[in-house]
């Protein structure tokens, strides 16, 4: 967490406030926790961004991108517990950075909050951004991935399909939570080798990917039991109420109303599935 839907929600939540705004101040917040990773370094970033204007706010995979009018971009990767906030942070002790923005007579603060401190902030030139996060590093975005692309990429790997979906070079934006939900809707067992999926299964997988991610965005992401993920206004997401398998081990499947959800570990990550809806043999 956060995955594509949560980061997309962050971007949509801050876009109106930040685009067209001038960065009047960029500063570290008082925080006794371990500092987050910043490149090239706070002072260097500060010199390059003061009085620059934010010309766009967008998502790239699981990252928030703030493009500036000097061909530099902030690349903010929330990772486990990072949030982009416009108001009411969960607490003050984990605030990391503040952008003081001005648009006309309106002044706004944008904060980066991170409880565990695993998030990263970079300032990259356009050429650097293309190199670091271009097609050689990231696969197609999960929301724009075509069926043909999915077929080609799955046919290249014999890894379990759940593990393959977490590979950001194969498809960008899907994480552990949504991979389990997507595979359940697709009725595909998570241990099936990606290159053995049939044409019908790949079509179902492609359709489920778009359906699950769009629904999660509509509900502004998933706030799990620890309550960490919040939208830009510090409100909970709502898609956790629609999870069918994720973190439901031992519960009866909501789809078939019979079998119990099973938890297994793949690539050191928890996977949840229904053994009745998602049989291991191919179609």
C-alpha atoms as a PDB file:
ATOM      1  CA  UNK A   1       0.000   0.000   0.000  1.00  0.00           C
ATOM      2  CA  UNK A   2      -0.650   2.476  -1.545  1.00  0.00           C
ATOM      3  CA  UNK A   3      -1.257   0.937  -4.964  1.00  0.00           C
ATOM      4  CA  UNK A   4      -2.557   2.421  -8.212  1.00  0.00           C
ATOM      5  CA  UNK A   5      -6.068   3.320  -6.957  1.00  0.00           C
ATOM      6  CA  UNK A   6      -4.762   5.010  -3.800  1.00  0.00           C
ATOM      7  CA  UNK A   7      -2.120   7.023  -5.672  1.00  0.00           C
ATOM      8  CA  UNK A   8      -4.627   7.996  -8.365  1.00  0.00           C
ATOM      9  CA  UNK A   9      -6.950   9.177  -5.591  1.00  0.00           C
ATOM     10  CA  UNK A  10      -4.125  11.245  -4.070  1.00  0.00           C
ATOM     11  CA  UNK A  11      -3.425  12.905  -7.419  1.00  0.00           C
ATOM     12  CA  UNK A  12      -7.079  13.671  -8.102  1.00  0.00           C
ATOM     13  CA  UNK A  13      -7.427  15.037  -4.579  1.00  0.00           C
ATOM     14  CA  UNK A  14      -4.570  17.532  -4.862  1.00  0.00           C
ATOM     15  CA  UNK A  15      -4.704  18.423  -8.565  1.00  0.00           C
ATOM     16  CA  UNK A  16      -7.093  21.377  -8.410  1.00  0.00           C
ATOM     17  CA  UNK A  17      -5.231  22.964  -5.500  1.00  0.00           C
ATOM     18  CA  UNK A  18      -1.700  22.552  -6.823  1.00  0.00           C
ATOM     19  CA  UNK A  19      -1.837  22.964 -10.603  1.00  0.00           C
ATOM     20  CA  UNK A  20      -1.198  26.583 -11.502  1.00  0.00           C
ATOM     21  CA  UNK A  21       0.178  27.324  -8.037  1.00  0.00           C
ATOM     22  CA  UNK A  22       3.576  28.836  -7.358  1.00  0.00           C
ATOM     23  CA  UNK A  23       5.847  27.180  -4.802  1.00  0.00           C
ATOM     24  CA  UNK A  24       6.475  29.962  -2.283  1.00  0.00           C
ATOM     25  CA  UNK A  25       8.178  27.739   0.288  1.00  0.00           C
ATOM     26  CA  UNK A  26       9.464  24.180   0.313  1.00  0.00           C
ATOM     27  CA  UNK A  27      10.557  23.016   3.712  1.00  0.00           C
ATOM     28  CA  UNK A  28      11.179  20.056   5.972  1.00  0.00           C
ATOM     29  CA  UNK A  29       8.794  19.540   8.850  1.00  0.00           C
ATOM     30  CA  UNK A  30      10.087  18.965  12.353  1.00  0.00           C
ATOM     31  CA  UNK A  31      10.245  15.200  12.641  1.00  0.00           C
ATOM     32  CA  UNK A  32      12.261  13.127  15.096  1.00  0.00           C
ATOM     33  CA  UNK A  33      11.907   9.992  12.944  1.00  0.00           C
ATOM     34  CA  UNK A  34      14.436   8.635  10.490  1.00  0.00           C
ATOM     35  CA  UNK A  35      14.597  11.018   7.477  1.00  0.00           C
ATOM     36  CA  UNK A  36      13.009   9.933   4.223  1.00  0.00           C
ATOM     37  CA  UNK A  37      15.149   9.442   1.129  1.00  0.00           C
ATOM     38  CA  UNK A  38      15.502  12.598  -0.968  1.00  0.00           C
ATOM     39  CA  UNK A  39      17.463  13.010  -4.196  1.00  0.00           C
ATOM     40  CA  UNK A  40      19.447  15.047  -5.045  1.00  0.00           C
ATOM     41  CA  UNK A  41      19.148  16.369  -1.457  1.00  0.00           C
ATOM     42  CA  UNK A  42      16.882  18.844   0.293  1.00  0.00           C
ATOM     43  CA  UNK A  43      18.958  22.017  -0.178  1.00  0.00           C
ATOM     44  CA  UNK A  44      19.577  21.302  -3.840  1.00  0.00           C
ATOM     45  CA  UNK A  45      15.887  20.596  -4.456  1.00  0.00           C
ATOM     46  CA  UNK A  46      14.848  23.719  -2.558  1.00  0.00           C
ATOM     47  CA  UNK A  47      17.014  25.999  -4.718  1.00  0.00           C
ATOM     48  CA  UNK A  48      15.533  24.602  -7.917  1.00  0.00           C
ATOM     49  CA  UNK A  49      11.858  24.738  -6.985  1.00  0.00           C
ATOM     50  CA  UNK A  50      11.284  28.011  -5.105  1.00  0.00           C
ATOM     51  CA  UNK A  51       8.988  30.326  -7.062  1.00  0.00           C
ATOM     52  CA  UNK A  52       8.446  27.726  -9.770  1.00  0.00           C
ATOM     53  CA  UNK A  53       4.890  26.922 -10.908  1.00  0.00           C
ATOM     54  CA  UNK A  54       3.294  23.475 -10.837  1.00  0.00           C
ATOM     55  CA  UNK A  55       1.986  22.885 -14.352  1.00  0.00           C
ATOM     56  CA  UNK A  56       0.559  19.388 -13.878  1.00  0.00           C
ATOM     57  CA  UNK A  57      -0.153  16.726 -11.271  1.00  0.00           C
ATOM     58  CA  UNK A  58      -0.311  13.168 -12.534  1.00  0.00           C
ATOM     59  CA  UNK A  59       0.251   9.564 -11.596  1.00  0.00           C
ATOM     60  CA  UNK A  60       2.987   7.335 -12.958  1.00  0.00           C
ATOM     61  CA  UNK A  61       2.506   3.744 -11.773  1.00  0.00           C
ATOM     62  CA  UNK A  62       2.503   4.082  -7.949  1.00  0.00           C
ATOM     63  CA  UNK A  63       4.107   7.528  -7.911  1.00  0.00           C
ATOM     64  CA  UNK A  64       2.800  11.088  -7.720  1.00  0.00           C
ATOM     65  CA  UNK A  65       4.393  13.383 -10.316  1.00  0.00           C
ATOM     66  CA  UNK A  66       4.335  17.177  -9.953  1.00  0.00           C
ATOM     67  CA  UNK A  67       5.659  18.759 -13.148  1.00  0.00           C
ATOM     68  CA  UNK A  68       7.160  22.246 -12.820  1.00  0.00           C
ATOM     69  CA  UNK A  69       7.602  25.039 -15.341  1.00  0.00           C
ATOM     70  CA  UNK A  70      11.397  24.602 -15.444  1.00  0.00           C
ATOM     71  CA  UNK A  71      11.322  21.075 -16.939  1.00  0.00           C
ATOM     72  CA  UNK A  72      11.860  19.479 -13.536  1.00  0.00           C
ATOM     73  CA  UNK A  73       9.412  17.139 -11.817  1.00  0.00           C
ATOM     74  CA  UNK A  74       8.865  16.039  -8.250  1.00  0.00           C
ATOM     75  CA  UNK A  75       8.595  12.246  -8.124  1.00  0.00           C
ATOM     76  CA  UNK A  76       6.952  11.196  -4.867  1.00  0.00           C
ATOM     77  CA  UNK A  77       6.719   7.486  -4.117  1.00  0.00           C
ATOM     78  CA  UNK A  78       4.516   6.880  -1.045  1.00  0.00           C
ATOM     79  CA  UNK A  79       5.499   3.218  -0.663  1.00  0.00           C
ATOM     80  CA  UNK A  80       4.039   1.685   2.516  1.00  0.00           C
ATOM     81  CA  UNK A  81       2.577   4.583   4.495  1.00  0.00           C
ATOM     82  CA  UNK A  82       3.177   7.802   2.555  1.00  0.00           C
ATOM     83  CA  UNK A  83       0.313  10.270   2.022  1.00  0.00           C
ATOM     84  CA  UNK A  84      -0.156  13.511   0.092  1.00  0.00           C
ATOM     85  CA  UNK A  85      -2.416  15.773   2.139  1.00  0.00           C
ATOM     86  CA  UNK A  86      -4.065  19.169   1.869  1.00  0.00           C
ATOM     87  CA  UNK A  87      -5.498  19.242   5.375  1.00  0.00           C
ATOM     88  CA  UNK A  88      -5.770  17.515   8.737  1.00  0.00           C
ATOM     89  CA  UNK A  89      -2.761  15.133   8.809  1.00  0.00           C
ATOM     90  CA  UNK A  90      -3.307  12.003  10.937  1.00  0.00           C
ATOM     91  CA  UNK A  91      -0.693  13.428  13.314  1.00  0.00           C
ATOM     92  CA  UNK A  92       2.034  16.069  13.252  1.00  0.00           C
ATOM     93  CA  UNK A  93       4.940  13.890  14.295  1.00  0.00           C
ATOM     94  CA  UNK A  94       5.135  12.072  10.961  1.00  0.00           C
ATOM     95  CA  UNK A  95       4.856  15.112   8.684  1.00  0.00           C
ATOM     96  CA  UNK A  96       7.956  15.128   6.474  1.00  0.00           C
ATOM     97  CA  UNK A  97       7.680  17.920   3.893  1.00  0.00           C
ATOM     98  CA  UNK A  98       5.562  20.985   3.232  1.00  0.00           C
ATOM     99  CA  UNK A  99       4.993  22.842  -0.017  1.00  0.00           C
ATOM    100  CA  UNK A 100       3.532  26.311   0.585  1.00  0.00           C
ATOM    101  CA  UNK A 101       1.667  27.156  -2.596  1.00  0.00           C
ATOM    102  CA  UNK A 102       0.082  30.342  -3.873  1.00  0.00           C
ATOM    103  CA  UNK A 103      -2.475  30.731  -6.653  1.00  0.00           C
ATOM    104  CA  UNK A 104      -3.670  34.300  -6.954  1.00  0.00           C
ATOM    105  CA  UNK A 105      -4.537  35.359  -3.428  1.00  0.00           C
ATOM    106  CA  UNK A 106      -5.075  31.801  -2.232  1.00  0.00           C
ATOM    107  CA  UNK A 107      -2.344  30.113  -0.216  1.00  0.00           C
ATOM    108  CA  UNK A 108      -2.394  26.364   0.296  1.00  0.00           C
ATOM    109  CA  UNK A 109      -0.148  23.898   2.090  1.00  0.00           C
ATOM    110  CA  UNK A 110       0.571  20.509   0.598  1.00  0.00           C
ATOM    111  CA  UNK A 111       2.150  17.976   2.963  1.00  0.00           C
ATOM    112  CA  UNK A 112       3.906  14.668   2.590  1.00  0.00           C
ATOM    113  CA  UNK A 113       3.193  12.493   5.641  1.00  0.00           C
ATOM    114  CA  UNK A 114       4.887   9.147   6.173  1.00  0.00           C
ATOM    115  CA  UNK A 115       4.633   7.109   9.366  1.00  0.00           C
ATOM    116  CA  UNK A 116       7.209   4.441   8.502  1.00  0.00           C
ATOM    117  CA  UNK A 117       9.485   6.737   6.517  1.00  0.00           C
ATOM    118  CA  UNK A 118       9.908   4.401   3.541  1.00  0.00           C
ATOM    119  CA  UNK A 119       8.615   6.895   0.986  1.00  0.00           C
ATOM    120  CA  UNK A 120      10.974   8.711  -1.363  1.00  0.00           C
ATOM    121  CA  UNK A 121      11.041  12.159  -2.953  1.00  0.00           C
ATOM    122  CA  UNK A 122      13.120  12.998  -6.011  1.00  0.00           C
ATOM    123  CA  UNK A 123      13.456  16.030  -8.252  1.00  0.00           C
ATOM    124  CA  UNK A 124      14.293  14.941 -11.789  1.00  0.00           C
ATOM    125  CA  UNK A 125      14.832  16.666 -15.114  1.00  0.00           C
ATOM    126  CA  UNK A 126      12.573  15.450 -17.907  1.00  0.00           C
ATOM    127  CA  UNK A 127      15.442  13.472 -19.467  1.00  0.00           C
ATOM    128  CA  UNK A 128      16.194  11.866 -16.091  1.00  0.00           C
ATOM    129  CA  UNK A 129      12.537  11.010 -15.539  1.00  0.00           C
ATOM    130  CA  UNK A 130      12.356   9.270 -18.911  1.00  0.00           C
ATOM    131  CA  UNK A 131      15.498   7.313 -18.058  1.00  0.00           C
ATOM    132  CA  UNK A 132      14.553   6.340 -14.494  1.00  0.00           C
ATOM    133  CA  UNK A 133      10.845   5.641 -15.053  1.00  0.00           C
ATOM    134  CA  UNK A 134      10.569   5.129 -18.794  1.00  0.00           C
ATOM    135  CA  UNK A 135       9.543   1.984 -20.723  1.00  0.00           C
ATOM    136  CA  UNK A 136      12.810   0.231 -19.870  1.00  0.00           C
ATOM    137  CA  UNK A 137      11.939   0.413 -16.162  1.00  0.00           C
ATOM    138  CA  UNK A 138       8.145   0.286 -16.080  1.00  0.00           C
ATOM    139  CA  UNK A 139       5.659  -1.764 -18.031  1.00  0.00           C
ATOM    140  CA  UNK A 140       2.409  -0.334 -19.413  1.00  0.00           C
ATOM    141  CA  UNK A 141       0.090   1.205 -16.859  1.00  0.00           C
ATOM    142  CA  UNK A 142      -2.469  -1.298 -15.583  1.00  0.00           C
ATOM    143  CA  UNK A 143      -5.362   1.001 -16.571  1.00  0.00           C
ATOM    144  CA  UNK A 144      -4.192   1.447 -20.175  1.00  0.00           C
ATOM    145  CA  UNK A 145      -2.675  -2.003 -20.756  1.00  0.00           C
ATOM    146  CA  UNK A 146      -4.100  -3.559 -23.913  1.00  0.00           C
ATOM    147  CA  UNK A 147      -5.138  -7.190 -24.161  1.00  0.00           C
ATOM    148  CA  UNK A 148      -2.435  -7.745 -26.785  1.00  0.00           C
ATOM    149  CA  UNK A 149       0.237  -6.318 -24.474  1.00  0.00           C
ATOM    150  CA  UNK A 150      -0.967  -8.490 -21.612  1.00  0.00           C
ATOM    151  CA  UNK A 151      -0.884 -11.604 -23.785  1.00  0.00           C
ATOM    152  CA  UNK A 152       2.648 -10.904 -25.004  1.00  0.00           C
ATOM    153  CA  UNK A 153       3.984 -10.138 -21.543  1.00  0.00           C
ATOM    154  CA  UNK A 154       2.411 -13.159 -19.869  1.00  0.00           C
ATOM    155  CA  UNK A 155       3.682 -15.482 -22.586  1.00  0.00           C
ATOM    156  CA  UNK A 156       7.257 -14.395 -21.810  1.00  0.00           C
ATOM    157  CA  UNK A 157       7.278 -15.663 -18.211  1.00  0.00           C
ATOM    158  CA  UNK A 158       6.605 -18.971 -16.511  1.00  0.00           C
ATOM    159  CA  UNK A 159       6.239 -17.354 -13.086  1.00  0.00           C
ATOM    160  CA  UNK A 160       3.019 -17.773 -11.149  1.00  0.00           C
ATOM    161  CA  UNK A 161       0.531 -15.219 -12.462  1.00  0.00           C
ATOM    162  CA  UNK A 162       0.157 -13.558  -9.043  1.00  0.00           C
ATOM    163  CA  UNK A 163       3.929 -13.056  -8.810  1.00  0.00           C
ATOM    164  CA  UNK A 164       4.092 -11.801 -12.404  1.00  0.00           C
ATOM    165  CA  UNK A 165       1.398  -9.180 -11.777  1.00  0.00           C
ATOM    166  CA  UNK A 166       3.532  -7.661  -9.006  1.00  0.00           C
ATOM    167  CA  UNK A 167       6.450  -7.149 -11.416  1.00  0.00           C
ATOM    168  CA  UNK A 168       6.305  -3.468 -12.316  1.00  0.00           C
ATOM    169  CA  UNK A 169       8.266  -4.125 -15.516  1.00  0.00           C
ATOM    170  CA  UNK A 170       5.479  -6.421 -16.694  1.00  0.00           C
ATOM    171  CA  UNK A 171       2.592  -4.134 -15.754  1.00  0.00           C
ATOM    172  CA  UNK A 172       2.808  -0.977 -13.655  1.00  0.00           C
ATOM    173  CA  UNK A 173       0.587  -0.109 -10.726  1.00  0.00           C
ATOM    174  CA  UNK A 174      -0.716  -3.427  -9.384  1.00  0.00           C
ATOM    175  CA  UNK A 175       0.296  -4.445  -5.870  1.00  0.00           C
ATOM    176  CA  UNK A 176      -0.449  -7.300  -3.532  1.00  0.00           C
ATOM    177  CA  UNK A 177      -3.989  -6.347  -2.545  1.00  0.00           C
ATOM    178  CA  UNK A 178      -5.404  -5.731  -6.008  1.00  0.00           C
ATOM    179  CA  UNK A 179      -3.580  -8.688  -7.576  1.00  0.00           C
ATOM    180  CA  UNK A 180      -5.559 -11.039  -5.309  1.00  0.00           C
ATOM    181  CA  UNK A 181      -8.845  -9.268  -6.066  1.00  0.00           C
ATOM    182  CA  UNK A 182      -8.200  -9.195  -9.819  1.00  0.00           C
ATOM    183  CA  UNK A 183      -7.349 -12.892  -9.971  1.00  0.00           C
ATOM    184  CA  UNK A 184     -10.456 -13.775  -7.992  1.00  0.00           C
ATOM    185  CA  UNK A 185     -12.726 -11.867 -10.349  1.00  0.00           C
ATOM    186  CA  UNK A 186     -10.883 -13.524 -13.259  1.00  0.00           C
ATOM    187  CA  UNK A 187     -11.408 -16.961 -11.636  1.00  0.00           C
ATOM    188  CA  UNK A 188      -7.685 -17.720 -12.119  1.00  0.00           C
ATOM    189  CA  UNK A 189      -5.685 -19.623  -9.516  1.00  0.00           C
ATOM    190  CA  UNK A 190      -2.769 -17.447  -8.315  1.00  0.00           C
ATOM    191  CA  UNK A 191      -0.220 -20.252  -8.787  1.00  0.00           C
ATOM    192  CA  UNK A 192      -0.986 -20.830 -12.466  1.00  0.00           C
ATOM    193  CA  UNK A 193       2.088 -20.163 -14.655  1.00  0.00           C
ATOM    194  CA  UNK A 194       1.509 -16.944 -16.576  1.00  0.00           C
ATOM    195  CA  UNK A 195       2.554 -18.483 -19.895  1.00  0.00           C
ATOM    196  CA  UNK A 196      -0.012 -21.279 -19.567  1.00  0.00           C
ATOM    197  CA  UNK A 197      -3.072 -19.045 -19.360  1.00  0.00           C
ATOM    198  CA  UNK A 198      -5.554 -19.571 -22.168  1.00  0.00           C
ATOM    199  CA  UNK A 199      -6.838 -16.837 -24.450  1.00  0.00           C
ATOM    200  CA  UNK A 200     -10.134 -16.838 -22.535  1.00  0.00           C
ATOM    201  CA  UNK A 201      -8.342 -16.507 -19.205  1.00  0.00           C
ATOM    202  CA  UNK A 202      -6.160 -13.657 -20.436  1.00  0.00           C
ATOM    203  CA  UNK A 203      -9.253 -11.835 -21.702  1.00  0.00           C
ATOM    204  CA  UNK A 204     -10.931 -12.325 -18.314  1.00  0.00           C
ATOM    205  CA  UNK A 205      -7.782 -11.114 -16.555  1.00  0.00           C
ATOM    206  CA  UNK A 206      -7.616  -7.996 -18.712  1.00  0.00           C
ATOM    207  CA  UNK A 207     -11.268  -7.154 -18.112  1.00  0.00           C
ATOM    208  CA  UNK A 208     -11.001  -7.817 -14.363  1.00  0.00           C
ATOM    209  CA  UNK A 209      -7.940  -5.598 -14.041  1.00  0.00           C
ATOM    210  CA  UNK A 210      -9.761  -2.607 -15.449  1.00  0.00           C
ATOM    211  CA  UNK A 211     -12.980  -3.328 -13.556  1.00  0.00           C
ATOM    212  CA  UNK A 212     -11.334  -3.767 -10.137  1.00  0.00           C
ATOM    213  CA  UNK A 213      -8.993  -0.774 -10.439  1.00  0.00           C
ATOM    214  CA  UNK A 214     -11.706   1.560 -11.737  1.00  0.00           C
ATOM    215  CA  UNK A 215     -14.065   0.502  -8.953  1.00  0.00           C
ATOM    216  CA  UNK A 216     -11.349   1.025  -6.337  1.00  0.00           C
ATOM    217  CA  UNK A 217     -10.663   4.514  -7.695  1.00  0.00           C
ATOM    218  CA  UNK A 218     -14.382   5.283  -7.584  1.00  0.00           C
ATOM    219  CA  UNK A 219     -14.371   4.384  -3.888  1.00  0.00           C
ATOM    220  CA  UNK A 220     -11.136   6.381  -3.356  1.00  0.00           C
ATOM    221  CA  UNK A 221      -8.986   3.375  -2.541  1.00  0.00           C
ATOM    222  CA  UNK A 222      -8.800   0.904   0.325  1.00  0.00           C
ATOM    223  CA  UNK A 223      -8.166   1.833   3.959  1.00  0.00           C
ATOM    224  CA  UNK A 224      -7.156  -1.341   5.778  1.00  0.00           C
ATOM    225  CA  UNK A 225      -7.348  -2.230   9.460  1.00  0.00           C
ATOM    226  CA  UNK A 226      -4.354  -0.114  10.447  1.00  0.00           C
ATOM    227  CA  UNK A 227      -6.146   2.946   9.077  1.00  0.00           C
ATOM    228  CA  UNK A 228      -2.977   4.305   7.474  1.00  0.00           C
ATOM    229  CA  UNK A 229      -4.210   5.146   3.975  1.00  0.00           C
ATOM    230  CA  UNK A 230      -6.214   8.375   3.743  1.00  0.00           C
ATOM    231  CA  UNK A 231      -7.181  10.600   0.824  1.00  0.00           C
ATOM    232  CA  UNK A 232      -5.943  14.178   0.413  1.00  0.00           C
ATOM    233  CA  UNK A 233      -8.497  15.442   2.925  1.00  0.00           C
ATOM    234  CA  UNK A 234      -7.598  12.765   5.503  1.00  0.00           C
ATOM    235  CA  UNK A 235     -10.720  10.679   4.816  1.00  0.00           C
ATOM    236  CA  UNK A 236     -10.816   6.885   4.610  1.00  0.00           C
ATOM    237  CA  UNK A 237     -11.195   5.103   1.308  1.00  0.00           C
ATOM    238  CA  UNK A 238     -14.206   2.850   0.837  1.00  0.00           C
ATOM    239  CA  UNK A 239     -13.147  -0.041  -1.371  1.00  0.00           C
ATOM    240  CA  UNK A 240     -12.070  -2.216   1.572  1.00  0.00           C
ATOM    241  CA  UNK A 241     -15.776  -2.886   2.082  1.00  0.00           C
ATOM    242  CA  UNK A 242     -15.865  -4.543  -1.351  1.00  0.00           C
ATOM    243  CA  UNK A 243     -12.864  -6.875  -1.028  1.00  0.00           C
ATOM    244  CA  UNK A 244     -13.910 -10.437  -1.806  1.00  0.00           C
ATOM    245  CA  UNK A 245     -10.739 -12.296  -0.865  1.00  0.00           C
ATOM    246  CA  UNK A 246      -8.002  -9.997   0.386  1.00  0.00           C
ATOM    247  CA  UNK A 247      -7.320 -10.556   4.103  1.00  0.00           C
ATOM    248  CA  UNK A 248     -10.413 -12.781   4.377  1.00  0.00           C
ATOM    249  CA  UNK A 249      -8.706 -16.131   5.042  1.00  0.00           C
ATOM    250  CA  UNK A 250     -11.082 -18.571   6.753  1.00  0.00           C
ATOM    251  CA  UNK A 251     -14.200 -16.649   5.736  1.00  0.00           C
ATOM    252  CA  UNK A 252     -16.766 -18.096   3.354  1.00  0.00           C
ATOM    253  CA  UNK A 253     -16.331 -16.894  -0.216  1.00  0.00           C
ATOM    254  CA  UNK A 254     -18.822 -14.156  -1.076  1.00  0.00           C
ATOM    255  CA  UNK A 255     -18.862 -15.273  -4.705  1.00  0.00           C
ATOM    256  CA  UNK A 256     -19.669 -18.994  -4.437  1.00  0.00           C
ATOM    257  CA  UNK A 257     -21.066 -18.845  -0.875  1.00  0.00           C
ATOM    258  CA  UNK A 258     -19.398 -22.163  -0.143  1.00  0.00           C
ATOM    259  CA  UNK A 259     -15.625 -22.593   0.112  1.00  0.00           C
ATOM    260  CA  UNK A 260     -13.441 -20.788   2.619  1.00  0.00           C
ATOM    261  CA  UNK A 261     -10.881 -18.244   1.456  1.00  0.00           C
ATOM    262  CA  UNK A 262      -7.328 -19.605   1.611  1.00  0.00           C
ATOM    263  CA  UNK A 263      -4.112 -17.727   2.359  1.00  0.00           C
ATOM    264  CA  UNK A 264      -0.806 -18.822   0.822  1.00  0.00           C
ATOM    265  CA  UNK A 265       2.584 -17.109   0.565  1.00  0.00           C
ATOM    266  CA  UNK A 266       4.096 -16.283  -2.824  1.00  0.00           C
ATOM    267  CA  UNK A 267       7.381 -14.402  -3.190  1.00  0.00           C
ATOM    268  CA  UNK A 268       7.159 -13.581   0.534  1.00  0.00           C
ATOM    269  CA  UNK A 269       3.767 -11.922   0.075  1.00  0.00           C
ATOM    270  CA  UNK A 270       0.338 -13.093   1.239  1.00  0.00           C
ATOM    271  CA  UNK A 271      -2.056 -14.255  -1.448  1.00  0.00           C
ATOM    272  CA  UNK A 272      -5.779 -14.852  -0.878  1.00  0.00           C
ATOM    273  CA  UNK A 273      -8.042 -16.904  -3.132  1.00  0.00           C
ATOM    274  CA  UNK A 274     -11.075 -19.167  -3.247  1.00  0.00           C
ATOM    275  CA  UNK A 275     -10.211 -22.809  -4.108  1.00  0.00           C
ATOM    276  CA  UNK A 276     -13.693 -23.324  -5.544  1.00  0.00           C
ATOM    277  CA  UNK A 277     -13.863 -20.235  -7.774  1.00  0.00           C
ATOM    278  CA  UNK A 278     -10.176 -20.371  -8.709  1.00  0.00           C
ATOM    279  CA  UNK A 279      -9.282 -23.962  -9.553  1.00  0.00           C
ATOM    280  CA  UNK A 280      -5.676 -24.729 -10.386  1.00  0.00           C
ATOM    281  CA  UNK A 281      -6.226 -26.719 -13.597  1.00  0.00           C
ATOM    282  CA  UNK A 282      -6.504 -24.728 -16.846  1.00  0.00           C
ATOM    283  CA  UNK A 283      -9.707 -24.175 -18.760  1.00  0.00           C
END
